[in-house]
Amino acid sequence: MSHRNVEIVQGVYAALNREDLPAVLEKIDPDFEWWPRNDAPGGGASIRGPEGFKAQWESIVDALHEFRQEPKEFIDAGDYVVVPVMQVGLGRASGASIEQHEVHAFRLRNGMWVELREYQDKDEALKAVSLAD
């Protein structure tokens, strides 16, 4: 099942990068929860459900032009898939370029995306999903 989870997460990134939000939303469980990094705007408060994901994603792409996420690797962690990514884009208002590195930990259940947690580095994410000391 975990190899299938990796394939699902790869598909999520591909859909986001081609701006196919409906393809992403069909993989999000109604009980989905997204935990941004604690240093993110909003203080790391969780975002819930497909509609919460949609609203948050739309606010990101409204603020950033040519936004994309470039996964560096996909780490199979059973129910989790850990993905170090580089996020790049241009501020719509300022034109300033952004480049941000973070790590996403996706939890899947029955082929559906139920949780996303963001971390600053890979060791922190792996520890959170019990793959590292």
Protein backbone atom coordinates (compact mmCIF):
# COMPACT_ATOMS: atom_id res chain seq x y z
CA MET A 1 0.00 0.00 0.00
CA SER A 2 2.80 2.49 0.76
CA HIS A 3 4.16 2.42 -2.82
CA ARG A 4 0.64 3.36 -3.89
CA ASN A 5 0.73 6.23 -1.38
CA VAL A 6 3.91 7.54 -3.01
CA GLU A 7 2.21 7.43 -6.42
CA ILE A 8 -0.79 9.33 -5.07
CA VAL A 9 1.43 12.04 -3.57
CA GLN A 10 3.42 12.32 -6.80
CA GLY A 11 0.10 12.84 -8.57
CA VAL A 12 -0.90 15.56 -6.10
CA TYR A 13 2.27 17.57 -6.85
CA ALA A 14 1.85 17.08 -10.59
CA ALA A 15 -1.76 18.28 -10.42
CA LEU A 16 -0.89 21.31 -8.29
CA ASN A 17 1.95 22.30 -10.62
CA ARG A 18 -0.33 22.10 -13.67
CA GLU A 19 -2.99 24.07 -11.73
CA ASP A 20 -5.51 21.19 -11.76
CA LEU A 21 -7.14 21.84 -8.39
CA PRO A 22 -10.16 19.55 -9.07
CA ALA A 23 -7.77 16.57 -9.48
CA VAL A 24 -6.25 17.37 -6.08
CA LEU A 25 -9.59 17.88 -4.35
CA GLU A 26 -10.84 14.45 -5.45
CA LYS A 27 -7.96 12.88 -3.46
CA ILE A 28 -8.71 14.82 -0.24
CA ASP A 29 -10.65 13.02 2.48
CA PRO A 30 -13.54 14.97 4.07
CA ASP A 31 -11.63 14.75 7.40
CA PHE A 32 -8.46 16.24 5.87
CA GLU A 33 -6.32 18.45 8.10
CA TRP A 34 -3.38 20.65 7.03
CA TRP A 35 -0.91 21.81 9.67
CA PRO A 36 1.29 24.63 8.29
CA ARG A 37 4.67 25.30 9.86
CA ASN A 38 4.53 27.17 13.16
CA ASP A 39 6.37 30.11 11.55
CA ALA A 40 3.80 30.36 8.74
CA PRO A 41 1.30 33.24 8.56
CA GLY A 42 -1.55 32.36 10.89
CA GLY A 43 0.79 30.75 13.42
CA GLY A 44 0.42 27.20 12.20
CA ALA A 45 -3.34 26.97 12.83
CA SER A 46 -4.82 23.95 11.06
CA ILE A 47 -6.82 24.08 7.85
CA ARG A 48 -9.63 21.55 7.61
CA GLY A 49 -11.43 19.70 4.86
CA PRO A 50 -11.31 19.97 1.09
CA GLU A 51 -12.91 23.43 1.17
CA GLY A 52 -10.29 24.65 3.67
CA PHE A 53 -7.54 23.30 1.40
CA LYS A 54 -9.11 24.96 -1.62
CA ALA A 55 -9.40 28.35 0.11
CA GLN A 56 -5.82 28.21 1.41
CA TRP A 57 -4.42 27.09 -1.94
CA GLU A 58 -6.30 29.82 -3.79
CA SER A 59 -4.91 32.44 -1.39
CA ILE A 60 -1.38 31.18 -2.13
CA VAL A 61 -1.78 31.32 -5.90
CA ASP A 62 -3.53 34.68 -5.67
CA ALA A 63 -0.43 36.07 -3.93
CA LEU A 64 2.16 34.30 -6.10
CA HIS A 65 2.55 34.17 -9.86
CA GLU A 66 4.15 31.08 -11.44
CA PHE A 67 4.05 29.27 -8.09
CA ARG A 68 5.25 25.68 -8.19
CA GLN A 69 6.56 23.06 -5.84
CA GLU A 70 9.56 21.03 -6.85
CA PRO A 71 9.74 17.75 -4.90
CA LYS A 72 13.31 16.58 -4.24
CA GLU A 73 12.46 13.02 -3.17
CA PHE A 74 9.54 10.91 -2.00
CA ILE A 75 10.22 8.94 1.18
CA ASP A 76 7.92 5.98 1.77
CA ALA A 77 7.04 5.95 5.46
CA GLY A 78 4.09 3.54 5.58
CA ASP A 79 0.96 5.62 6.09
CA TYR A 80 3.09 8.72 5.49
CA VAL A 81 5.00 10.02 2.50
CA VAL A 82 7.68 12.58 3.40
CA VAL A 83 8.63 15.03 0.66
CA PRO A 84 11.36 17.68 0.82
CA VAL A 85 10.31 20.42 -1.61
CA MET A 86 11.50 23.71 -2.98
CA GLN A 87 8.71 26.21 -3.52
CA VAL A 88 9.28 28.94 -6.08
CA GLY A 89 7.24 31.77 -7.48
CA LEU A 90 6.95 35.51 -8.00
CA GLY A 91 5.01 37.91 -5.82
CA ARG A 92 2.04 39.17 -7.85
CA ALA A 93 2.18 42.65 -6.32
CA SER A 94 5.94 43.05 -5.88
CA GLY A 95 7.36 40.83 -8.61
CA ALA A 96 9.88 39.59 -6.05
CA SER A 97 10.98 36.01 -6.48
CA ILE A 98 10.59 33.54 -3.65
CA GLU A 99 12.44 30.32 -3.02
CA GLN A 100 11.55 28.40 0.09
CA HIS A 101 12.59 24.94 1.21
CA GLU A 102 10.33 22.90 3.47
CA VAL A 103 9.31 19.32 4.05
CA HIS A 104 5.80 17.93 3.73
CA ALA A 105 4.54 14.83 5.53
CA PHE A 106 1.41 13.45 3.90
CA ARG A 107 -0.71 10.85 5.68
CA LEU A 108 -2.99 8.77 3.52
CA ARG A 109 -5.79 6.37 4.36
CA ASN A 110 -7.54 4.17 1.80
CA GLY A 111 -5.95 6.10 -1.05
CA MET A 112 -7.16 9.45 0.26
CA TRP A 113 -5.13 12.34 1.63
CA VAL A 114 -6.09 12.85 5.29
CA GLU A 115 -3.28 14.98 6.67
CA LEU A 116 -0.50 17.32 5.62
CA ARG A 117 2.09 18.54 8.09
CA GLU A 118 4.80 21.02 7.13
CA TYR A 119 8.29 21.02 8.64
CA GLN A 120 11.39 23.15 8.25
CA ASP A 121 13.74 20.22 7.65
CA LYS A 122 13.80 16.55 6.74
CA ASP A 123 15.11 15.28 10.10
CA GLU A 124 12.26 17.01 11.93
CA ALA A 125 9.69 15.48 9.56
CA LEU A 126 11.20 11.99 9.72
CA LYS A 127 11.28 12.12 13.50
CA ALA A 128 7.62 13.17 13.51
CA VAL A 129 6.65 10.12 11.46
CA SER A 130 8.98 7.85 13.47
CA LEU A 131 11.61 7.11 10.84
CA ALA A 132 14.53 8.78 12.55
CA ASP A 133 16.04 8.81 16.03
